[in-house]
Amino acid sequence: MTNENNYKKIKVISVRGLNPRVRAIRFGFVEKQDAKDFTFAPGSFIMVAVPGFGESPLTVTTSPSQLPEFEIAVRTNGNNTMALNRLDVGDTAYVRGPLGNAIDLQAVYGRELILIGGGIGLAPLRSFIHFLSENPQTVSKLTIIHGAKTPQDLIFKDELAKWKKFADVHVVVDIGDEDWDGETGNIVKSLDKITIGKKASVIVCGPPAMYLPIVKSIQKKDVAKEQISLMFERKLHCGIGKCQHCTCGGKYVCLDGPTFKYSEIENNWEAFV
């Protein structure tokens, strides 16, 4: 993916809540030429800035087919994300990018594909899910697993049922409530119950604590480590390899990732903390 570091002015088109802590913000470009020039591929990331507060690395959650509008999911986790979550329709911000690598389509083409999103980790996968819904011939079978601590922590709840039209969807929470009639436990237990072919590809995004248990569960099913990809958006900071915040051994998440095959980083302990 070609890095693009020129800021483009964007305007809020709509805002909606995904859960009590996460908002989905849809933007459009202020300048017509910027709208025409901007493109991205699922898995790459952008930097979104609110003047006076800084910028945040975020993944576009909508399909490239929806450009020139795009959406991000923001959880308040510092001054800039708080400023982003205060934006309302008509407010402006700035974007640079896309940055980093994208999901490797060649690696998954024609294969069974399992997408695993823990908590807000479903957000970086959503763009690819939309792409696959528009291009179902890309994979032979699609399984989506979304897990969260409680039903209130799930995101894109209105879409999960719609995704069942083209994918096998599993939703699991650690602790249910009186209205929850779905699966309880954790993602690893849910994954253990699912039949996965040896030639399947797996892409995982979520909190660091879930990565190695998930990899272990997948490898029990004889899936090769080269077919397992892990997304490390949570480590991103400046986006251009200058601040050292995202370094993992000899890897820069912003420059070499944010998506890595497990075989690339299996011995890189910094990636999993």
C-alpha atoms as a PDB file:
ATOM      1  CA  MET A   1       0.000   0.000   0.000  1.00  0.00           C
ATOM      2  CA  THR A   2       1.436   3.395  -0.960  1.00  0.00           C
ATOM      3  CA  ASN A   3       1.831   5.668   2.043  1.00  0.00           C
ATOM      4  CA  GLU A   4       0.127   9.041   1.678  1.00  0.00           C
ATOM      5  CA  ASN A   5       0.897  11.648   4.335  1.00  0.00           C
ATOM      6  CA  ASN A   6      -0.928  14.724   2.977  1.00  0.00           C
ATOM      7  CA  TYR A   7      -3.873  15.723   5.129  1.00  0.00           C
ATOM      8  CA  LYS A   8      -7.308  15.917   3.513  1.00  0.00           C
ATOM      9  CA  LYS A   9     -10.201  17.793   5.099  1.00  0.00           C
ATOM     10  CA  ILE A  10     -13.259  15.687   5.896  1.00  0.00           C
ATOM     11  CA  LYS A  11     -16.749  16.442   7.212  1.00  0.00           C
ATOM     12  CA  VAL A  12     -19.001  14.350   9.474  1.00  0.00           C
ATOM     13  CA  ILE A  13     -22.030  13.021   7.588  1.00  0.00           C
ATOM     14  CA  SER A  14     -23.574  10.871  10.323  1.00  0.00           C
ATOM     15  CA  VAL A  15     -22.894   9.484  13.782  1.00  0.00           C
ATOM     16  CA  ARG A  16     -24.376   6.435  15.482  1.00  0.00           C
ATOM     17  CA  GLY A  17     -23.679   4.498  18.659  1.00  0.00           C
ATOM     18  CA  LEU A  18     -22.417   0.917  18.374  1.00  0.00           C
ATOM     19  CA  ASN A  19     -22.314   0.334  22.132  1.00  0.00           C
ATOM     20  CA  PRO A  20     -22.049   2.638  25.180  1.00  0.00           C
ATOM     21  CA  ARG A  21     -18.328   3.295  24.500  1.00  0.00           C
ATOM     22  CA  VAL A  22     -18.033   3.054  20.717  1.00  0.00           C
ATOM     23  CA  ARG A  23     -19.418   5.350  18.013  1.00  0.00           C
ATOM     24  CA  ALA A  24     -19.457   4.920  14.249  1.00  0.00           C
ATOM     25  CA  ILE A  25     -18.641   8.159  12.432  1.00  0.00           C
ATOM     26  CA  ARG A  26     -19.229   8.520   8.691  1.00  0.00           C
ATOM     27  CA  PHE A  27     -17.196  11.118   6.804  1.00  0.00           C
ATOM     28  CA  GLY A  28     -17.165  12.683   3.377  1.00  0.00           C
ATOM     29  CA  PHE A  29     -14.437  14.795   1.779  1.00  0.00           C
ATOM     30  CA  VAL A  30     -14.734  18.569   1.690  1.00  0.00           C
ATOM     31  CA  GLU A  31     -12.727  18.929  -1.538  1.00  0.00           C
ATOM     32  CA  LYS A  32     -13.982  17.190  -4.686  1.00  0.00           C
ATOM     33  CA  GLN A  33     -10.479  16.265  -5.821  1.00  0.00           C
ATOM     34  CA  ASP A  34      -9.693  14.639  -2.477  1.00  0.00           C
ATOM     35  CA  ALA A  35     -12.879  12.585  -2.783  1.00  0.00           C
ATOM     36  CA  LYS A  36     -11.827  11.511  -6.249  1.00  0.00           C
ATOM     37  CA  ASP A  37      -8.229  10.640  -5.267  1.00  0.00           C
ATOM     38  CA  PHE A  38      -8.786   8.778  -1.997  1.00  0.00           C
ATOM     39  CA  THR A  39      -8.812   4.997  -2.057  1.00  0.00           C
ATOM     40  CA  PHE A  40      -7.912   2.153   0.296  1.00  0.00           C
ATOM     41  CA  ALA A  41      -7.989  -1.627   0.596  1.00  0.00           C
ATOM     42  CA  PRO A  42      -9.463  -3.543   3.564  1.00  0.00           C
ATOM     43  CA  GLY A  43      -6.908  -3.959   6.333  1.00  0.00           C
ATOM     44  CA  SER A  44      -4.937  -0.765   5.691  1.00  0.00           C
ATOM     45  CA  PHE A  45      -5.353   2.110   8.151  1.00  0.00           C
ATOM     46  CA  ILE A  46      -5.722   5.881   8.191  1.00  0.00           C
ATOM     47  CA  MET A  47      -4.784   8.657  10.615  1.00  0.00           C
ATOM     48  CA  VAL A  48      -7.694  10.884  11.644  1.00  0.00           C
ATOM     49  CA  ALA A  49      -6.863  14.227  13.266  1.00  0.00           C
ATOM     50  CA  VAL A  50      -8.887  16.732  15.251  1.00  0.00           C
ATOM     51  CA  PRO A  51      -6.983  20.048  15.346  1.00  0.00           C
ATOM     52  CA  GLY A  52      -5.777  20.875  18.843  1.00  0.00           C
ATOM     53  CA  PHE A  53      -6.034  17.277  20.049  1.00  0.00           C
ATOM     54  CA  GLY A  54      -3.796  15.151  17.807  1.00  0.00           C
ATOM     55  CA  GLU A  55      -4.503  12.181  15.579  1.00  0.00           C
ATOM     56  CA  SER A  56      -5.525   8.547  15.931  1.00  0.00           C
ATOM     57  CA  PRO A  57      -4.722   5.471  13.815  1.00  0.00           C
ATOM     58  CA  LEU A  58      -8.006   3.885  12.760  1.00  0.00           C
ATOM     59  CA  THR A  59      -9.243   1.369  10.231  1.00  0.00           C
ATOM     60  CA  VAL A  60     -11.948   2.193   7.710  1.00  0.00           C
ATOM     61  CA  THR A  61     -14.886  -0.071   8.528  1.00  0.00           C
ATOM     62  CA  THR A  62     -16.816   0.314   5.279  1.00  0.00           C
ATOM     63  CA  SER A  63     -16.183  -1.264   1.890  1.00  0.00           C
ATOM     64  CA  PRO A  64     -14.157   0.604  -0.772  1.00  0.00           C
ATOM     65  CA  SER A  65     -17.330   0.468  -2.867  1.00  0.00           C
ATOM     66  CA  GLN A  66     -18.907   3.058  -0.534  1.00  0.00           C
ATOM     67  CA  LEU A  67     -16.287   5.704  -1.315  1.00  0.00           C
ATOM     68  CA  PRO A  68     -16.095   8.685  -1.404  1.00  0.00           C
ATOM     69  CA  GLU A  69     -17.829   8.305   1.968  1.00  0.00           C
ATOM     70  CA  PHE A  70     -16.215   6.138   4.630  1.00  0.00           C
ATOM     71  CA  GLU A  71     -16.858   5.171   8.235  1.00  0.00           C
ATOM     72  CA  ILE A  72     -14.681   4.578  11.288  1.00  0.00           C
ATOM     73  CA  ALA A  73     -15.458   3.079  14.701  1.00  0.00           C
ATOM     74  CA  VAL A  74     -14.059   5.038  17.647  1.00  0.00           C
ATOM     75  CA  ARG A  75     -13.743   3.972  21.279  1.00  0.00           C
ATOM     76  CA  THR A  76     -12.753   6.725  23.697  1.00  0.00           C
ATOM     77  CA  ASN A  77      -9.219   5.967  24.856  1.00  0.00           C
ATOM     78  CA  GLY A  78      -7.438   9.317  25.176  1.00  0.00           C
ATOM     79  CA  ASN A  79      -7.741  12.970  24.244  1.00  0.00           C
ATOM     80  CA  ASN A  80      -7.990  12.597  20.481  1.00  0.00           C
ATOM     81  CA  THR A  81     -10.478   9.737  20.494  1.00  0.00           C
ATOM     82  CA  MET A  82     -12.518  11.715  23.029  1.00  0.00           C
ATOM     83  CA  ALA A  83     -12.432  14.677  20.634  1.00  0.00           C
ATOM     84  CA  LEU A  84     -13.436  12.418  17.751  1.00  0.00           C
ATOM     85  CA  ASN A  85     -16.359  11.082  19.746  1.00  0.00           C
ATOM     86  CA  ARG A  86     -17.526  14.628  20.424  1.00  0.00           C
ATOM     87  CA  LEU A  87     -17.835  15.375  16.698  1.00  0.00           C
ATOM     88  CA  ASP A  88     -21.338  15.924  15.345  1.00  0.00           C
ATOM     89  CA  VAL A  89     -22.831  16.135  11.870  1.00  0.00           C
ATOM     90  CA  GLY A  90     -21.213  18.968   9.931  1.00  0.00           C
ATOM     91  CA  ASP A  91     -18.048  19.106  12.046  1.00  0.00           C
ATOM     92  CA  THR A  92     -14.700  18.766  10.291  1.00  0.00           C
ATOM     93  CA  ALA A  93     -11.514  16.791  10.855  1.00  0.00           C
ATOM     94  CA  TYR A  94      -8.516  15.711   8.750  1.00  0.00           C
ATOM     95  CA  VAL A  95      -7.335  12.378   7.373  1.00  0.00           C
ATOM     96  CA  ARG A  96      -4.054  11.101   5.957  1.00  0.00           C
ATOM     97  CA  GLY A  97      -3.407   7.734   4.428  1.00  0.00           C
ATOM     98  CA  PRO A  98      -4.036   4.983   3.611  1.00  0.00           C
ATOM     99  CA  LEU A  99      -1.050   3.495   5.415  1.00  0.00           C
ATOM    100  CA  GLY A 100       0.304   0.015   6.118  1.00  0.00           C
ATOM    101  CA  ASN A 101      -0.457  -3.204   4.309  1.00  0.00           C
ATOM    102  CA  ALA A 102      -3.843  -4.579   3.340  1.00  0.00           C
ATOM    103  CA  ILE A 103      -5.351  -8.034   3.754  1.00  0.00           C
ATOM    104  CA  ASP A 104      -3.663 -10.364   1.275  1.00  0.00           C
ATOM    105  CA  LEU A 105      -6.429 -11.395  -1.122  1.00  0.00           C
ATOM    106  CA  GLN A 106      -4.211 -13.923  -2.884  1.00  0.00           C
ATOM    107  CA  ALA A 107      -3.604 -15.736   0.391  1.00  0.00           C
ATOM    108  CA  VAL A 108      -7.328 -16.301   1.007  1.00  0.00           C
ATOM    109  CA  TYR A 109      -8.645 -16.604  -2.548  1.00  0.00           C
ATOM    110  CA  GLY A 110     -10.679 -19.780  -3.041  1.00  0.00           C
ATOM    111  CA  ARG A 111     -10.098 -20.931   0.534  1.00  0.00           C
ATOM    112  CA  GLU A 112     -12.312 -21.404   3.537  1.00  0.00           C
ATOM    113  CA  LEU A 113     -11.890 -18.233   5.613  1.00  0.00           C
ATOM    114  CA  ILE A 114     -12.446 -17.671   9.333  1.00  0.00           C
ATOM    115  CA  LEU A 115     -12.591 -14.085  10.613  1.00  0.00           C
ATOM    116  CA  ILE A 116     -12.332 -13.667  14.392  1.00  0.00           C
ATOM    117  CA  GLY A 117     -13.038 -10.299  16.037  1.00  0.00           C
ATOM    118  CA  GLY A 118     -12.766  -9.816  19.789  1.00  0.00           C
ATOM    119  CA  GLY A 119     -14.496  -6.695  21.152  1.00  0.00           C
ATOM    120  CA  ILE A 120     -13.773  -3.665  18.979  1.00  0.00           C
ATOM    121  CA  GLY A 121     -11.466  -5.977  16.994  1.00  0.00           C
ATOM    122  CA  LEU A 122     -14.460  -6.679  14.761  1.00  0.00           C
ATOM    123  CA  ALA A 123     -14.216  -3.105  13.419  1.00  0.00           C
ATOM    124  CA  PRO A 124     -11.009  -3.611  11.358  1.00  0.00           C
ATOM    125  CA  LEU A 125     -12.563  -6.763   9.872  1.00  0.00           C
ATOM    126  CA  ARG A 126     -15.877  -5.159   8.897  1.00  0.00           C
ATOM    127  CA  SER A 127     -14.575  -3.561   5.708  1.00  0.00           C
ATOM    128  CA  PHE A 128     -13.365  -6.953   4.503  1.00  0.00           C
ATOM    129  CA  ILE A 129     -16.660  -8.567   5.496  1.00  0.00           C
ATOM    130  CA  HIS A 130     -18.490  -6.001   3.350  1.00  0.00           C
ATOM    131  CA  PHE A 131     -16.066  -6.642   0.494  1.00  0.00           C
ATOM    132  CA  LEU A 132     -16.695 -10.400   0.747  1.00  0.00           C
ATOM    133  CA  SER A 133     -20.470  -9.876   0.756  1.00  0.00           C
ATOM    134  CA  GLU A 134     -20.062  -7.980  -2.523  1.00  0.00           C
ATOM    135  CA  ASN A 135     -17.588 -10.518  -3.933  1.00  0.00           C
ATOM    136  CA  PRO A 136     -18.718 -13.911  -2.544  1.00  0.00           C
ATOM    137  CA  GLN A 137     -16.625 -15.821  -5.076  1.00  0.00           C
ATOM    138  CA  THR A 138     -13.458 -14.670  -3.265  1.00  0.00           C
ATOM    139  CA  VAL A 139     -13.650 -17.472  -0.674  1.00  0.00           C
ATOM    140  CA  SER A 140     -15.188 -20.939  -0.696  1.00  0.00           C
ATOM    141  CA  LYS A 141     -16.728 -20.570   2.783  1.00  0.00           C
ATOM    142  CA  LEU A 142     -16.834 -17.714   5.286  1.00  0.00           C
ATOM    143  CA  THR A 143     -17.111 -18.019   9.068  1.00  0.00           C
ATOM    144  CA  ILE A 144     -17.341 -14.930  11.310  1.00  0.00           C
ATOM    145  CA  ILE A 145     -16.812 -15.159  15.070  1.00  0.00           C
ATOM    146  CA  HIS A 146     -17.472 -12.097  17.242  1.00  0.00           C
ATOM    147  CA  GLY A 147     -16.902 -12.171  20.984  1.00  0.00           C
ATOM    148  CA  ALA A 148     -17.216  -9.611  23.771  1.00  0.00           C
ATOM    149  CA  LYS A 149     -17.344  -9.447  27.560  1.00  0.00           C
ATOM    150  CA  THR A 150     -21.089  -8.754  27.741  1.00  0.00           C
ATOM    151  CA  PRO A 151     -23.970  -8.302  25.261  1.00  0.00           C
ATOM    152  CA  GLN A 152     -23.617  -4.537  25.752  1.00  0.00           C
ATOM    153  CA  ASP A 153     -19.999  -4.704  24.505  1.00  0.00           C
ATOM    154  CA  LEU A 154     -20.878  -6.250  21.132  1.00  0.00           C
ATOM    155  CA  ILE A 155     -20.598  -3.978  18.086  1.00  0.00           C
ATOM    156  CA  PHE A 156     -22.444  -3.936  14.756  1.00  0.00           C
ATOM    157  CA  LYS A 157     -25.216  -5.933  16.424  1.00  0.00           C
ATOM    158  CA  ASP A 158     -27.705  -4.859  13.754  1.00  0.00           C
ATOM    159  CA  GLU A 159     -25.510  -6.406  11.051  1.00  0.00           C
ATOM    160  CA  LEU A 160     -24.628  -9.745  12.612  1.00  0.00           C
ATOM    161  CA  ALA A 161     -27.959 -11.301  11.592  1.00  0.00           C
ATOM    162  CA  LYS A 162     -27.626  -9.899   8.045  1.00  0.00           C
ATOM    163  CA  TRP A 163     -24.187 -11.460   7.684  1.00  0.00           C
ATOM    164  CA  LYS A 164     -25.759 -14.877   8.224  1.00  0.00           C
ATOM    165  CA  LYS A 165     -27.072 -14.624   4.656  1.00  0.00           C
ATOM    166  CA  PHE A 166     -23.572 -15.200   3.273  1.00  0.00           C
ATOM    167  CA  ALA A 167     -21.532 -16.454   6.256  1.00  0.00           C
ATOM    168  CA  ASP A 168     -21.619 -18.810   9.218  1.00  0.00           C
ATOM    169  CA  VAL A 169     -21.836 -16.347  12.134  1.00  0.00           C
ATOM    170  CA  HIS A 170     -21.049 -17.129  15.772  1.00  0.00           C
ATOM    171  CA  VAL A 171     -21.564 -14.561  18.538  1.00  0.00           C
ATOM    172  CA  VAL A 172     -20.340 -15.281  22.060  1.00  0.00           C
ATOM    173  CA  VAL A 173     -20.135 -13.257  25.286  1.00  0.00           C
ATOM    174  CA  ASP A 174     -18.195 -13.990  28.464  1.00  0.00           C
ATOM    175  CA  ILE A 175     -21.158 -13.130  30.679  1.00  0.00           C
ATOM    176  CA  GLY A 176     -24.755 -12.943  29.480  1.00  0.00           C
ATOM    177  CA  ASP A 177     -27.684 -11.063  30.989  1.00  0.00           C
ATOM    178  CA  GLU A 178     -31.360 -11.884  31.442  1.00  0.00           C
ATOM    179  CA  ASP A 179     -32.099 -11.024  27.826  1.00  0.00           C
ATOM    180  CA  TRP A 180     -29.167 -12.933  26.317  1.00  0.00           C
ATOM    181  CA  ASP A 181     -30.117 -16.253  24.725  1.00  0.00           C
ATOM    182  CA  GLY A 182     -26.923 -16.740  22.715  1.00  0.00           C
ATOM    183  CA  GLU A 183     -23.664 -18.507  23.407  1.00  0.00           C
ATOM    184  CA  THR A 184     -21.688 -17.758  26.584  1.00  0.00           C
ATOM    185  CA  GLY A 185     -18.053 -18.519  27.311  1.00  0.00           C
ATOM    186  CA  ASN A 186     -15.209 -17.133  25.234  1.00  0.00           C
ATOM    187  CA  ILE A 187     -14.008 -17.080  21.654  1.00  0.00           C
ATOM    188  CA  VAL A 188     -11.565 -19.961  22.127  1.00  0.00           C
ATOM    189  CA  LYS A 189     -14.281 -22.276  23.449  1.00  0.00           C
ATOM    190  CA  SER A 190     -16.523 -21.260  20.566  1.00  0.00           C
ATOM    191  CA  LEU A 191     -13.707 -21.883  18.100  1.00  0.00           C
ATOM    192  CA  ASP A 192     -13.025 -25.326  19.550  1.00  0.00           C
ATOM    193  CA  LYS A 193     -16.570 -26.366  18.561  1.00  0.00           C
ATOM    194  CA  ILE A 194     -16.216 -25.304  14.935  1.00  0.00           C
ATOM    195  CA  THR A 195     -14.991 -27.633  12.209  1.00  0.00           C
ATOM    196  CA  ILE A 196     -12.197 -25.969  10.232  1.00  0.00           C
ATOM    197  CA  GLY A 197     -10.482 -27.504   7.214  1.00  0.00           C
ATOM    198  CA  LYS A 198      -6.696 -27.883   7.122  1.00  0.00           C
ATOM    199  CA  LYS A 199      -6.410 -25.503   4.171  1.00  0.00           C
ATOM    200  CA  ALA A 200      -8.472 -22.747   5.786  1.00  0.00           C
ATOM    201  CA  SER A 201      -7.146 -19.211   6.262  1.00  0.00           C
ATOM    202  CA  VAL A 202      -7.749 -17.413   9.538  1.00  0.00           C
ATOM    203  CA  ILE A 203      -7.576 -13.674  10.327  1.00  0.00           C
ATOM    204  CA  VAL A 204      -7.745 -12.528  13.946  1.00  0.00           C
ATOM    205  CA  CYS A 205      -8.161  -9.057  15.467  1.00  0.00           C
ATOM    206  CA  GLY A 206      -8.707  -8.243  19.118  1.00  0.00           C
ATOM    207  CA  PRO A 207      -7.030  -7.815  22.513  1.00  0.00           C
ATOM    208  CA  PRO A 208      -3.547  -9.353  22.901  1.00  0.00           C
ATOM    209  CA  ALA A 209      -4.625 -11.876  25.540  1.00  0.00           C
ATOM    210  CA  MET A 210      -6.742 -13.782  23.022  1.00  0.00           C
ATOM    211  CA  TYR A 211      -4.136 -14.215  20.267  1.00  0.00           C
ATOM    212  CA  LEU A 212      -1.973 -17.085  21.457  1.00  0.00           C
ATOM    213  CA  PRO A 213      -4.893 -19.169  22.844  1.00  0.00           C
ATOM    214  CA  ILE A 214      -6.676 -18.747  19.503  1.00  0.00           C
ATOM    215  CA  VAL A 215      -3.562 -19.689  17.529  1.00  0.00           C
ATOM    216  CA  LYS A 216      -3.128 -22.786  19.710  1.00  0.00           C
ATOM    217  CA  SER A 217      -6.759 -23.806  19.120  1.00  0.00           C
ATOM    218  CA  ILE A 218      -6.431 -23.301  15.361  1.00  0.00           C
ATOM    219  CA  GLN A 219      -3.188 -25.255  15.149  1.00  0.00           C
ATOM    220  CA  LYS A 220      -4.892 -28.196  16.860  1.00  0.00           C
ATOM    221  CA  LYS A 221      -7.013 -28.348  13.716  1.00  0.00           C
ATOM    222  CA  ASP A 222      -3.830 -28.773  11.613  1.00  0.00           C
ATOM    223  CA  VAL A 223      -4.026 -25.306  10.067  1.00  0.00           C
ATOM    224  CA  ALA A 224      -0.512 -24.181   9.108  1.00  0.00           C
ATOM    225  CA  LYS A 225       0.922 -21.116  10.853  1.00  0.00           C
ATOM    226  CA  GLU A 226       1.449 -19.469   7.455  1.00  0.00           C
ATOM    227  CA  GLN A 227      -2.342 -19.489   7.002  1.00  0.00           C
ATOM    228  CA  ILE A 228      -3.011 -17.627  10.267  1.00  0.00           C
ATOM    229  CA  SER A 229      -2.914 -13.810  10.149  1.00  0.00           C
ATOM    230  CA  LEU A 230      -3.012 -11.484  13.161  1.00  0.00           C
ATOM    231  CA  MET A 231      -3.897  -7.784  13.079  1.00  0.00           C
ATOM    232  CA  PHE A 232      -2.054  -5.410  15.422  1.00  0.00           C
ATOM    233  CA  GLU A 233      -3.851  -2.061  14.971  1.00  0.00           C
ATOM    234  CA  ARG A 234      -3.842  -1.533  18.730  1.00  0.00           C
ATOM    235  CA  LYS A 235      -0.062  -0.890  18.633  1.00  0.00           C
ATOM    236  CA  LEU A 236      -0.188   1.884  16.041  1.00  0.00           C
ATOM    237  CA  HIS A 237       0.708   5.450  16.956  1.00  0.00           C
ATOM    238  CA  CYS A 238       2.355   7.825  14.436  1.00  0.00           C
ATOM    239  CA  GLY A 239       1.762   5.600  11.384  1.00  0.00           C
ATOM    240  CA  ILE A 240       5.074   6.359   9.661  1.00  0.00           C
ATOM    241  CA  GLY A 241       7.768   4.571  11.692  1.00  0.00           C
ATOM    242  CA  LYS A 242       9.135   7.624  13.530  1.00  0.00           C
ATOM    243  CA  CYS A 243       7.883   7.373  17.120  1.00  0.00           C
ATOM    244  CA  GLN A 244       9.026   3.772  17.832  1.00  0.00           C
ATOM    245  CA  HIS A 245       5.750   3.160  19.710  1.00  0.00           C
ATOM    246  CA  CYS A 246       4.779   0.177  17.549  1.00  0.00           C
ATOM    247  CA  THR A 247       8.136  -1.569  17.220  1.00  0.00           C
ATOM    248  CA  CYS A 248       8.128  -5.317  17.859  1.00  0.00           C
ATOM    249  CA  GLY A 249      11.683  -6.556  17.655  1.00  0.00           C
ATOM    250  CA  GLY A 250      12.773  -5.738  14.106  1.00  0.00           C
ATOM    251  CA  LYS A 251       9.225  -5.080  12.909  1.00  0.00           C
ATOM    252  CA  TYR A 252       7.306  -1.827  12.687  1.00  0.00           C
ATOM    253  CA  VAL A 253       3.577  -2.488  12.886  1.00  0.00           C
ATOM    254  CA  CYS A 254       2.835   0.696  10.931  1.00  0.00           C
ATOM    255  CA  LEU A 255       5.293  -0.044   8.119  1.00  0.00           C
ATOM    256  CA  ASP A 256       5.445  -3.855   8.003  1.00  0.00           C
ATOM    257  CA  GLY A 257       1.848  -4.460   9.134  1.00  0.00           C
ATOM    258  CA  PRO A 258      -0.578  -3.969  10.693  1.00  0.00           C
ATOM    259  CA  THR A 259      -1.435  -7.513   9.534  1.00  0.00           C
ATOM    260  CA  PHE A 260       1.185 -10.242   9.969  1.00  0.00           C
ATOM    261  CA  LYS A 261       1.224 -13.948   9.281  1.00  0.00           C
ATOM    262  CA  TYR A 262       1.772 -15.823  12.540  1.00  0.00           C
ATOM    263  CA  SER A 263       4.869 -17.413  11.006  1.00  0.00           C
ATOM    264  CA  GLU A 264       6.401 -13.904  10.771  1.00  0.00           C
ATOM    265  CA  ILE A 265       5.986 -12.964  14.428  1.00  0.00           C
ATOM    266  CA  GLU A 266       5.586 -16.215  16.380  1.00  0.00           C
ATOM    267  CA  ASN A 267       8.916 -15.676  18.194  1.00  0.00           C
ATOM    268  CA  ASN A 268       8.401 -11.943  18.658  1.00  0.00           C
ATOM    269  CA  TRP A 269       7.243 -11.669  22.277  1.00  0.00           C
ATOM    270  CA  GLU A 270       6.693  -7.894  22.021  1.00  0.00           C
ATOM    271  CA  ALA A 271       3.855  -8.450  19.585  1.00  0.00           C
ATOM    272  CA  PHE A 272       1.767 -10.259  22.197  1.00  0.00           C
ATOM    273  CA  VAL A 273       1.991  -7.841  25.137  1.00  0.00           C
END
